[in-house]
Amino acid sequence: MRRERTLKVVLVLVGLIFSAGVFPVAESLWHQNQSMYTFDMMLSLYVALGIFLLIAARNPSANRSLIAFAAWSCWLIVMGVNVQRWKEQASAAGATEGQSGS
């Protein structure tokens, strides 16, 4: 029982955090900031996911696939960002080594 209650609290918190992304999306679209359209599109997916997580918090056992999708998608985004950061650091280190050797 305690585990399910904890899961419900986590789902509500994550759902609220994801749903709060509607404010930057609305602000960007209101001011027609075209440089942010790609970011807005990705953020709008998380807003929708947040709404569904809030709905899933009512009955987590019936929405296990949605919860698993949310967890895996977040984990994969984090891994992708870390790989990108690692590549940028490696290329920056290579650039500084090339400059110091000249």
PDB file of N, CA and C in Angstrom:
ATOM      1  N   MET A   1       0.817  -1.193   0.000  1.00  0.00           N
ATOM      2  CA  MET A   1       0.000   0.000   0.000  1.00  0.00           C
ATOM      3  C   MET A   1       0.863   1.260   0.000  1.00  0.00           C
ATOM      4  N   ARG A   2       1.940   1.222   0.790  1.00  0.00           N
ATOM      5  CA  ARG A   2       2.825   2.375   0.870  1.00  0.00           C
ATOM      6  C   ARG A   2       3.539   2.617  -0.467  1.00  0.00           C
ATOM      7  N   ARG A   3       3.888   1.512  -1.130  1.00  0.00           N
ATOM      8  CA  ARG A   3       4.564   1.625  -2.420  1.00  0.00           C
ATOM      9  C   ARG A   3       3.655   2.285  -3.467  1.00  0.00           C
ATOM     10  N   GLU A   4       2.392   1.873  -3.487  1.00  0.00           N
ATOM     11  CA  GLU A   4       1.447   2.457  -4.446  1.00  0.00           C
ATOM     12  C   GLU A   4       1.206   3.940  -4.149  1.00  0.00           C
ATOM     13  N   ARG A   5       1.125   4.269  -2.875  1.00  0.00           N
ATOM     14  CA  ARG A   5       0.932   5.675  -2.488  1.00  0.00           C
ATOM     15  C   ARG A   5       2.130   6.518  -2.924  1.00  0.00           C
ATOM     16  N   THR A   6       3.338   5.984  -2.739  1.00  0.00           N
ATOM     17  CA  THR A   6       4.554   6.690  -3.168  1.00  0.00           C
ATOM     18  C   THR A   6       4.558   6.870  -4.678  1.00  0.00           C
ATOM     19  N   LEU A   7       4.153   5.829  -5.398  1.00  0.00           N
ATOM     20  CA  LEU A   7       4.088   5.916  -6.855  1.00  0.00           C
ATOM     21  C   LEU A   7       3.090   6.981  -7.293  1.00  0.00           C
ATOM     22  N   LYS A   8       1.953   7.068  -6.639  1.00  0.00           N
ATOM     23  CA  LYS A   8       0.961   8.081  -6.975  1.00  0.00           C
ATOM     24  C   LYS A   8       1.512   9.495  -6.751  1.00  0.00           C
ATOM     25  N   VAL A   9       2.227   9.684  -5.639  1.00  0.00           N
ATOM     26  CA  VAL A   9       2.812  10.999  -5.345  1.00  0.00           C
ATOM     27  C   VAL A   9       3.844  11.354  -6.403  1.00  0.00           C
ATOM     28  N   VAL A  10       4.692  10.404  -6.765  1.00  0.00           N
ATOM     29  CA  VAL A  10       5.719  10.659  -7.791  1.00  0.00           C
ATOM     30  C   VAL A  10       5.062  10.974  -9.133  1.00  0.00           C
ATOM     31  N   LEU A  11       4.028  10.245  -9.493  1.00  0.00           N
ATOM     32  CA  LEU A  11       3.336  10.507 -10.761  1.00  0.00           C
ATOM     33  C   LEU A  11       2.728  11.896 -10.789  1.00  0.00           C
ATOM     34  N   VAL A  12       2.140  12.316  -9.683  1.00  0.00           N
ATOM     35  CA  VAL A  12       1.549  13.654  -9.630  1.00  0.00           C
ATOM     36  C   VAL A  12       2.636  14.712  -9.734  1.00  0.00           C
ATOM     37  N   LEU A  13       3.742  14.524  -9.020  1.00  0.00           N
ATOM     38  CA  LEU A  13       4.829  15.519  -9.075  1.00  0.00           C
ATOM     39  C   LEU A  13       5.427  15.616 -10.472  1.00  0.00           C
ATOM     40  N   VAL A  14       5.740  14.492 -11.080  1.00  0.00           N
ATOM     41  CA  VAL A  14       6.313  14.502 -12.429  1.00  0.00           C
ATOM     42  C   VAL A  14       5.294  15.044 -13.427  1.00  0.00           C
ATOM     43  N   GLY A  15       4.035  14.659 -13.274  1.00  0.00           N
ATOM     44  CA  GLY A  15       2.994  15.179 -14.153  1.00  0.00           C
ATOM     45  C   GLY A  15       2.858  16.687 -14.061  1.00  0.00           C
ATOM     46  N   LEU A  16       2.931  17.223 -12.852  1.00  0.00           N
ATOM     47  CA  LEU A  16       2.853  18.680 -12.687  1.00  0.00           C
ATOM     48  C   LEU A  16       4.067  19.382 -13.272  1.00  0.00           C
ATOM     49  N   ILE A  17       5.248  18.793 -13.073  1.00  0.00           N
ATOM     50  CA  ILE A  17       6.465  19.395 -13.633  1.00  0.00           C
ATOM     51  C   ILE A  17       6.396  19.412 -15.158  1.00  0.00           C
ATOM     52  N   PHE A  18       6.002  18.270 -15.746  1.00  0.00           N
ATOM     53  CA  PHE A  18       5.893  18.214 -17.203  1.00  0.00           C
ATOM     54  C   PHE A  18       4.816  19.159 -17.712  1.00  0.00           C
ATOM     55  N   SER A  19       3.686  19.220 -17.017  1.00  0.00           N
ATOM     56  CA  SER A  19       2.589  20.084 -17.456  1.00  0.00           C
ATOM     57  C   SER A  19       2.938  21.563 -17.329  1.00  0.00           C
ATOM     58  N   ALA A  20       3.841  21.893 -16.421  1.00  0.00           N
ATOM     59  CA  ALA A  20       4.258  23.287 -16.273  1.00  0.00           C
ATOM     60  C   ALA A  20       4.996  23.790 -17.513  1.00  0.00           C
ATOM     61  N   GLY A  21       5.416  22.888 -18.382  1.00  0.00           N
ATOM     62  CA  GLY A  21       6.073  23.274 -19.626  1.00  0.00           C
ATOM     63  C   GLY A  21       5.163  24.024 -20.577  1.00  0.00           C
ATOM     64  N   VAL A  22       3.875  24.060 -20.285  1.00  0.00           N
ATOM     65  CA  VAL A  22       2.948  24.782 -21.155  1.00  0.00           C
ATOM     66  C   VAL A  22       3.232  26.286 -21.117  1.00  0.00           C
ATOM     67  N   PHE A  23       3.752  26.785 -20.017  1.00  0.00           N
ATOM     68  CA  PHE A  23       4.000  28.222 -19.913  1.00  0.00           C
ATOM     69  C   PHE A  23       5.110  28.701 -20.856  1.00  0.00           C
ATOM     70  N   PRO A  24       6.298  28.043 -20.909  1.00  0.00           N
ATOM     71  CA  PRO A  24       7.293  28.487 -21.890  1.00  0.00           C
ATOM     72  C   PRO A  24       6.835  28.316 -23.338  1.00  0.00           C
ATOM     73  N   VAL A  25       6.075  27.238 -23.602  1.00  0.00           N
ATOM     74  CA  VAL A  25       5.579  27.020 -24.968  1.00  0.00           C
ATOM     75  C   VAL A  25       4.619  28.137 -25.358  1.00  0.00           C
ATOM     76  N   ALA A  26       3.690  28.464 -24.477  1.00  0.00           N
ATOM     77  CA  ALA A  26       2.726  29.526 -24.771  1.00  0.00           C
ATOM     78  C   ALA A  26       3.423  30.872 -24.924  1.00  0.00           C
ATOM     79  N   GLU A  27       4.397  31.134 -24.077  1.00  0.00           N
ATOM     80  CA  GLU A  27       5.133  32.405 -24.151  1.00  0.00           C
ATOM     81  C   GLU A  27       5.883  32.520 -25.476  1.00  0.00           C
ATOM     82  N   SER A  28       6.541  31.435 -25.875  1.00  0.00           N
ATOM     83  CA  SER A  28       7.298  31.451 -27.129  1.00  0.00           C
ATOM     84  C   SER A  28       6.381  31.602 -28.340  1.00  0.00           C
ATOM     85  N   LEU A  29       5.268  30.890 -28.319  1.00  0.00           N
ATOM     86  CA  LEU A  29       4.337  30.982 -29.443  1.00  0.00           C
ATOM     87  C   LEU A  29       3.627  32.330 -29.467  1.00  0.00           C
ATOM     88  N   TRP A  30       3.377  32.894 -28.297  1.00  0.00           N
ATOM     89  CA  TRP A  30       2.719  34.200 -28.223  1.00  0.00           C
ATOM     90  C   TRP A  30       3.597  35.276 -28.860  1.00  0.00           C
ATOM     91  N   HIS A  31       4.902  35.193 -28.605  1.00  0.00           N
ATOM     92  CA  HIS A  31       5.830  36.184 -29.154  1.00  0.00           C
ATOM     93  C   HIS A  31       6.410  35.763 -30.499  1.00  0.00           C
ATOM     94  N   GLN A  32       5.949  34.662 -31.025  1.00  0.00           N
ATOM     95  CA  GLN A  32       6.363  34.139 -32.327  1.00  0.00           C
ATOM     96  C   GLN A  32       7.880  34.071 -32.454  1.00  0.00           C
ATOM     97  N   ASN A  33       8.494  33.434 -31.479  1.00  0.00           N
ATOM     98  CA  ASN A  33       9.938  33.236 -31.462  1.00  0.00           C
ATOM     99  C   ASN A  33      10.263  32.007 -32.302  1.00  0.00           C
ATOM    100  N   GLN A  34      10.574  32.219 -33.581  1.00  0.00           N
ATOM    101  CA  GLN A  34      10.774  31.108 -34.506  1.00  0.00           C
ATOM    102  C   GLN A  34      12.013  30.289 -34.192  1.00  0.00           C
ATOM    103  N   SER A  35      12.991  30.866 -33.514  1.00  0.00           N
ATOM    104  CA  SER A  35      14.189  30.103 -33.197  1.00  0.00           C
ATOM    105  C   SER A  35      13.909  29.020 -32.160  1.00  0.00           C
ATOM    106  N   MET A  36      12.771  29.080 -31.489  1.00  0.00           N
ATOM    107  CA  MET A  36      12.449  28.136 -30.428  1.00  0.00           C
ATOM    108  C   MET A  36      11.400  27.107 -30.853  1.00  0.00           C
ATOM    109  N   TYR A  37      11.000  27.060 -32.114  1.00  0.00           N
ATOM    110  CA  TYR A  37       9.914  26.178 -32.521  1.00  0.00           C
ATOM    111  C   TYR A  37      10.240  24.698 -32.284  1.00  0.00           C
ATOM    112  N   THR A  38      11.466  24.271 -32.524  1.00  0.00           N
ATOM    113  CA  THR A  38      11.838  22.876 -32.310  1.00  0.00           C
ATOM    114  C   THR A  38      11.750  22.538 -30.830  1.00  0.00           C
ATOM    115  N   PHE A  39      12.261  23.423 -29.989  1.00  0.00           N
ATOM    116  CA  PHE A  39      12.186  23.237 -28.545  1.00  0.00           C
ATOM    117  C   PHE A  39      10.727  23.205 -28.091  1.00  0.00           C
ATOM    118  N   ASP A  40       9.921  24.084 -28.642  1.00  0.00           N
ATOM    119  CA  ASP A  40       8.497  24.129 -28.280  1.00  0.00           C
ATOM    120  C   ASP A  40       7.791  22.832 -28.646  1.00  0.00           C
ATOM    121  N   MET A  41       8.154  22.268 -29.793  1.00  0.00           N
ATOM    122  CA  MET A  41       7.520  21.035 -30.227  1.00  0.00           C
ATOM    123  C   MET A  41       7.861  19.898 -29.256  1.00  0.00           C
ATOM    124  N   MET A  42       9.120  19.790 -28.868  1.00  0.00           N
ATOM    125  CA  MET A  42       9.509  18.740 -27.915  1.00  0.00           C
ATOM    126  C   MET A  42       8.867  18.972 -26.557  1.00  0.00           C
ATOM    127  N   LEU A  43       8.837  20.206 -26.119  1.00  0.00           N
ATOM    128  CA  LEU A  43       8.255  20.514 -24.818  1.00  0.00           C
ATOM    129  C   LEU A  43       6.755  20.241 -24.807  1.00  0.00           C
ATOM    130  N   SER A  44       6.093  20.466 -25.937  1.00  0.00           N
ATOM    131  CA  SER A  44       4.653  20.196 -25.989  1.00  0.00           C
ATOM    132  C   SER A  44       4.370  18.704 -25.849  1.00  0.00           C
ATOM    133  N   LEU A  45       5.274  17.853 -26.312  1.00  0.00           N
ATOM    134  CA  LEU A  45       5.101  16.413 -26.095  1.00  0.00           C
ATOM    135  C   LEU A  45       5.170  16.078 -24.613  1.00  0.00           C
ATOM    136  N   TYR A  46       6.075  16.739 -23.897  1.00  0.00           N
ATOM    137  CA  TYR A  46       6.172  16.499 -22.456  1.00  0.00           C
ATOM    138  C   TYR A  46       4.963  17.060 -21.707  1.00  0.00           C
ATOM    139  N   VAL A  47       4.398  18.141 -22.195  1.00  0.00           N
ATOM    140  CA  VAL A  47       3.183  18.675 -21.573  1.00  0.00           C
ATOM    141  C   VAL A  47       2.062  17.647 -21.696  1.00  0.00           C
ATOM    142  N   ALA A  48       1.912  17.070 -22.884  1.00  0.00           N
ATOM    143  CA  ALA A  48       0.878  16.044 -23.074  1.00  0.00           C
ATOM    144  C   ALA A  48       1.160  14.825 -22.206  1.00  0.00           C
ATOM    145  N   LEU A  49       2.421  14.422 -22.134  1.00  0.00           N
ATOM    146  CA  LEU A  49       2.782  13.288 -21.284  1.00  0.00           C
ATOM    147  C   LEU A  49       2.485  13.590 -19.816  1.00  0.00           C
ATOM    148  N   GLY A  50       2.722  14.815 -19.386  1.00  0.00           N
ATOM    149  CA  GLY A  50       2.430  15.207 -18.019  1.00  0.00           C
ATOM    150  C   GLY A  50       0.958  15.108 -17.692  1.00  0.00           C
ATOM    151  N   ILE A  51       0.119  15.517 -18.630  1.00  0.00           N
ATOM    152  CA  ILE A  51      -1.325  15.414 -18.417  1.00  0.00           C
ATOM    153  C   ILE A  51      -1.742  13.952 -18.285  1.00  0.00           C
ATOM    154  N   PHE A  52      -1.191  13.099 -19.141  1.00  0.00           N
ATOM    155  CA  PHE A  52      -1.525  11.677 -19.050  1.00  0.00           C
ATOM    156  C   PHE A  52      -0.982  11.046 -17.775  1.00  0.00           C
ATOM    157  N   LEU A  53       0.168  11.504 -17.285  1.00  0.00           N
ATOM    158  CA  LEU A  53       0.685  10.992 -16.017  1.00  0.00           C
ATOM    159  C   LEU A  53      -0.203  11.404 -14.852  1.00  0.00           C
ATOM    160  N   LEU A  54      -0.749  12.608 -14.913  1.00  0.00           N
ATOM    161  CA  LEU A  54      -1.684  13.033 -13.876  1.00  0.00           C
ATOM    162  C   LEU A  54      -2.935  12.156 -13.878  1.00  0.00           C
ATOM    163  N   ILE A  55      -3.404  11.805 -15.048  1.00  0.00           N
ATOM    164  CA  ILE A  55      -4.561  10.916 -15.148  1.00  0.00           C
ATOM    165  C   ILE A  55      -4.195   9.510 -14.654  1.00  0.00           C
ATOM    166  N   ALA A  56      -2.974   9.059 -15.000  1.00  0.00           N
ATOM    167  CA  ALA A  56      -2.528   7.720 -14.601  1.00  0.00           C
ATOM    168  C   ALA A  56      -2.337   7.601 -13.095  1.00  0.00           C
ATOM    169  N   ALA A  57      -2.152   8.711 -12.406  1.00  0.00           N
ATOM    170  CA  ALA A  57      -1.945   8.665 -10.961  1.00  0.00           C
ATOM    171  C   ALA A  57      -3.176   8.148 -10.224  1.00  0.00           C
ATOM    172  N   ARG A  58      -4.332   8.205 -10.837  1.00  0.00           N
ATOM    173  CA  ARG A  58      -5.554   7.691 -10.194  1.00  0.00           C
ATOM    174  C   ARG A  58      -5.485   6.185 -10.005  1.00  0.00           C
ATOM    175  N   ASN A  59      -4.977   5.496 -11.025  1.00  0.00           N
ATOM    176  CA  ASN A  59      -4.902   4.032 -10.978  1.00  0.00           C
ATOM    177  C   ASN A  59      -3.602   3.592 -11.663  1.00  0.00           C
ATOM    178  N   PRO A  60      -2.485   3.621 -10.963  1.00  0.00           N
ATOM    179  CA  PRO A  60      -1.199   3.302 -11.590  1.00  0.00           C
ATOM    180  C   PRO A  60      -1.109   1.883 -12.150  1.00  0.00           C
ATOM    181  N   SER A  61      -1.707   0.927 -11.493  1.00  0.00           N
ATOM    182  CA  SER A  61      -1.607  -0.456 -11.970  1.00  0.00           C
ATOM    183  C   SER A  61      -2.276  -0.645 -13.332  1.00  0.00           C
ATOM    184  N   ALA A  62      -3.276   0.145 -13.638  1.00  0.00           N
ATOM    185  CA  ALA A  62      -3.957   0.049 -14.935  1.00  0.00           C
ATOM    186  C   ALA A  62      -3.200   0.805 -16.027  1.00  0.00           C
ATOM    187  N   ASN A  63      -2.253   1.629 -15.647  1.00  0.00           N
ATOM    188  CA  ASN A  63      -1.523   2.456 -16.623  1.00  0.00           C
ATOM    189  C   ASN A  63      -0.029   2.172 -16.596  1.00  0.00           C
ATOM    190  N   ARG A  64       0.323   0.932 -16.379  1.00  0.00           N
ATOM    191  CA  ARG A  64       1.742   0.569 -16.261  1.00  0.00           C
ATOM    192  C   ARG A  64       2.525   0.848 -17.536  1.00  0.00           C
ATOM    193  N   SER A  65       1.931   0.626 -18.699  1.00  0.00           N
ATOM    194  CA  SER A  65       2.661   0.844 -19.952  1.00  0.00           C
ATOM    195  C   SER A  65       2.957   2.334 -20.163  1.00  0.00           C
ATOM    196  N   LEU A  66       2.032   3.198 -19.782  1.00  0.00           N
ATOM    197  CA  LEU A  66       2.270   4.636 -19.898  1.00  0.00           C
ATOM    198  C   LEU A  66       3.381   5.067 -18.950  1.00  0.00           C
ATOM    199  N   ILE A  67       3.364   4.544 -17.739  1.00  0.00           N
ATOM    200  CA  ILE A  67       4.397   4.880 -16.762  1.00  0.00           C
ATOM    201  C   ILE A  67       5.752   4.377 -17.243  1.00  0.00           C
ATOM    202  N   ALA A  68       5.785   3.172 -17.787  1.00  0.00           N
ATOM    203  CA  ALA A  68       7.038   2.627 -18.316  1.00  0.00           C
ATOM    204  C   ALA A  68       7.534   3.467 -19.492  1.00  0.00           C
ATOM    205  N   PHE A  69       6.631   3.878 -20.371  1.00  0.00           N
ATOM    206  CA  PHE A  69       7.026   4.736 -21.499  1.00  0.00           C
ATOM    207  C   PHE A  69       7.627   6.046 -21.006  1.00  0.00           C
ATOM    208  N   ALA A  70       6.997   6.658 -20.021  1.00  0.00           N
ATOM    209  CA  ALA A  70       7.508   7.928 -19.482  1.00  0.00           C
ATOM    210  C   ALA A  70       8.886   7.741 -18.881  1.00  0.00           C
ATOM    211  N   ALA A  71       9.062   6.671 -18.123  1.00  0.00           N
ATOM    212  CA  ALA A  71      10.359   6.422 -17.486  1.00  0.00           C
ATOM    213  C   ALA A  71      11.446   6.166 -18.525  1.00  0.00           C
ATOM    214  N   TRP A  72      11.156   5.306 -19.491  1.00  0.00           N
ATOM    215  CA  TRP A  72      12.157   4.993 -20.508  1.00  0.00           C
ATOM    216  C   TRP A  72      12.469   6.202 -21.386  1.00  0.00           C
ATOM    217  N   SER A  73      11.467   6.971 -21.751  1.00  0.00           N
ATOM    218  CA  SER A  73      11.728   8.123 -22.621  1.00  0.00           C
ATOM    219  C   SER A  73      12.591   9.151 -21.896  1.00  0.00           C
ATOM    220  N   CYS A  74      12.318   9.374 -20.622  1.00  0.00           N
ATOM    221  CA  CYS A  74      13.147  10.321 -19.852  1.00  0.00           C
ATOM    222  C   CYS A  74      14.567   9.810 -19.716  1.00  0.00           C
ATOM    223  N   TRP A  75      14.709   8.519 -19.463  1.00  0.00           N
ATOM    224  CA  TRP A  75      16.045   7.940 -19.317  1.00  0.00           C
ATOM    225  C   TRP A  75      16.823   8.047 -20.632  1.00  0.00           C
ATOM    226  N   LEU A  76      16.167   7.781 -21.751  1.00  0.00           N
ATOM    227  CA  LEU A  76      16.843   7.868 -23.041  1.00  0.00           C
ATOM    228  C   LEU A  76      17.229   9.308 -23.392  1.00  0.00           C
ATOM    229  N   ILE A  77      16.402  10.271 -23.030  1.00  0.00           N
ATOM    230  CA  ILE A  77      16.745  11.675 -23.264  1.00  0.00           C
ATOM    231  C   ILE A  77      17.980  12.048 -22.459  1.00  0.00           C
ATOM    232  N   VAL A  78      18.020  11.631 -21.206  1.00  0.00           N
ATOM    233  CA  VAL A  78      19.180  11.926 -20.354  1.00  0.00           C
ATOM    234  C   VAL A  78      20.434  11.285 -20.938  1.00  0.00           C
ATOM    235  N   MET A  79      20.337  10.059 -21.390  1.00  0.00           N
ATOM    236  CA  MET A  79      21.498   9.388 -21.975  1.00  0.00           C
ATOM    237  C   MET A  79      21.938  10.088 -23.265  1.00  0.00           C
ATOM    238  N   GLY A  80      20.984  10.504 -24.075  1.00  0.00           N
ATOM    239  CA  GLY A  80      21.330  11.212 -25.306  1.00  0.00           C
ATOM    240  C   GLY A  80      22.026  12.535 -25.033  1.00  0.00           C
ATOM    241  N   VAL A  81      21.560  13.255 -24.038  1.00  0.00           N
ATOM    242  CA  VAL A  81      22.194  14.524 -23.663  1.00  0.00           C
ATOM    243  C   VAL A  81      23.610  14.275 -23.154  1.00  0.00           C
ATOM    244  N   ASN A  82      23.789  13.225 -22.362  1.00  0.00           N
ATOM    245  CA  ASN A  82      25.122  12.920 -21.847  1.00  0.00           C
ATOM    246  C   ASN A  82      26.083  12.515 -22.955  1.00  0.00           C
ATOM    247  N   VAL A  83      25.614  11.746 -23.927  1.00  0.00           N
ATOM    248  CA  VAL A  83      26.463  11.379 -25.062  1.00  0.00           C
ATOM    249  C   VAL A  83      26.846  12.627 -25.850  1.00  0.00           C
ATOM    250  N   GLN A  84      25.895  13.502 -26.080  1.00  0.00           N
ATOM    251  CA  GLN A  84      26.182  14.742 -26.800  1.00  0.00           C
ATOM    252  C   GLN A  84      27.195  15.587 -26.038  1.00  0.00           C
ATOM    253  N   ARG A  85      27.039  15.687 -24.733  1.00  0.00           N
ATOM    254  CA  ARG A  85      27.978  16.449 -23.911  1.00  0.00           C
ATOM    255  C   ARG A  85      29.365  15.834 -23.968  1.00  0.00           C
ATOM    256  N   TRP A  86      29.428  14.501 -23.933  1.00  0.00           N
ATOM    257  CA  TRP A  86      30.713  13.817 -24.001  1.00  0.00           C
ATOM    258  C   TRP A  86      31.398  14.087 -25.340  1.00  0.00           C
ATOM    259  N   LYS A  87      30.623  14.057 -26.434  1.00  0.00           N
ATOM    260  CA  LYS A  87      31.191  14.340 -27.757  1.00  0.00           C
ATOM    261  C   LYS A  87      31.708  15.774 -27.839  1.00  0.00           C
ATOM    262  N   GLU A  88      30.957  16.714 -27.291  1.00  0.00           N
ATOM    263  CA  GLU A  88      31.394  18.110 -27.318  1.00  0.00           C
ATOM    264  C   GLU A  88      32.654  18.306 -26.496  1.00  0.00           C
ATOM    265  N   GLN A  89      32.752  17.657 -25.349  1.00  0.00           N
ATOM    266  CA  GLN A  89      33.949  17.771 -24.522  1.00  0.00           C
ATOM    267  C   GLN A  89      35.148  17.131 -25.210  1.00  0.00           C
ATOM    268  N   ALA A  90      34.917  16.004 -25.875  1.00  0.00           N
ATOM    269  CA  ALA A  90      36.011  15.346 -26.583  1.00  0.00           C
ATOM    270  C   ALA A  90      36.507  16.194 -27.753  1.00  0.00           C
ATOM    271  N   SER A  91      35.587  16.817 -28.488  1.00  0.00           N
ATOM    272  CA  SER A  91      36.011  17.656 -29.611  1.00  0.00           C
ATOM    273  C   SER A  91      36.676  18.933 -29.119  1.00  0.00           C
ATOM    274  N   ALA A  92      36.210  19.473 -27.993  1.00  0.00           N
ATOM    275  CA  ALA A  92      36.848  20.667 -27.420  1.00  0.00           C
ATOM    276  C   ALA A  92      38.243  20.329 -26.918  1.00  0.00           C
ATOM    277  N   ALA A  93      38.420  19.156 -26.327  1.00  0.00           N
ATOM    278  CA  ALA A  93      39.738  18.742 -25.853  1.00  0.00           C
ATOM    279  C   ALA A  93      40.678  18.514 -27.033  1.00  0.00           C
ATOM    280  N   GLY A  94      40.158  17.946 -28.112  1.00  0.00           N
ATOM    281  CA  GLY A  94      40.965  17.751 -29.316  1.00  0.00           C
ATOM    282  C   GLY A  94      41.363  19.069 -29.948  1.00  0.00           C
ATOM    283  N   ALA A  95      40.466  20.050 -29.908  1.00  0.00           N
ATOM    284  CA  ALA A  95      40.766  21.365 -30.483  1.00  0.00           C
ATOM    285  C   ALA A  95      41.838  22.071 -29.669  1.00  0.00           C
ATOM    286  N   THR A  96      41.792  21.962 -28.351  1.00  0.00           N
ATOM    287  CA  THR A  96      42.805  22.627 -27.525  1.00  0.00           C
ATOM    288  C   THR A  96      44.148  21.932 -27.626  1.00  0.00           C
ATOM    289  N   GLU A  97      44.156  20.598 -27.799  1.00  0.00           N
ATOM    290  CA  GLU A  97      45.420  19.884 -27.988  1.00  0.00           C
ATOM    291  C   GLU A  97      46.041  20.262 -29.320  1.00  0.00           C
ATOM    292  N   GLY A  98      45.184  20.423 -30.338  1.00  0.00           N
ATOM    293  CA  GLY A  98      45.697  20.816 -31.656  1.00  0.00           C
ATOM    294  C   GLY A  98      46.266  22.216 -31.649  1.00  0.00           C
ATOM    295  N   GLN A  99      45.700  23.115 -30.867  1.00  0.00           N
ATOM    296  CA  GLN A  99      46.191  24.480 -30.792  1.00  0.00           C
ATOM    297  C   GLN A  99      47.486  24.555 -30.004  1.00  0.00           C
ATOM    298  N   SER A 100      47.616  23.770 -28.954  1.00  0.00           N
ATOM    299  CA  SER A 100      48.829  23.844 -28.127  1.00  0.00           C
ATOM    300  C   SER A 100      50.005  23.180 -28.827  1.00  0.00           C
ATOM    301  N   GLY A 101      49.745  22.232 -29.737  1.00  0.00           N
ATOM    302  CA  GLY A 101      50.830  21.558 -30.443  1.00  0.00           C
ATOM    303  C   GLY A 101      51.372  22.364 -31.613  1.00  0.00           C
ATOM    304  N   SER A 102      50.701  23.430 -32.018  1.00  0.00           N
ATOM    305  CA  SER A 102      51.127  24.190 -33.188  1.00  0.00           C
ATOM    306  C   SER A 102      52.264  25.119 -32.860  1.00  0.00           C
TER     307      SER A 102
END
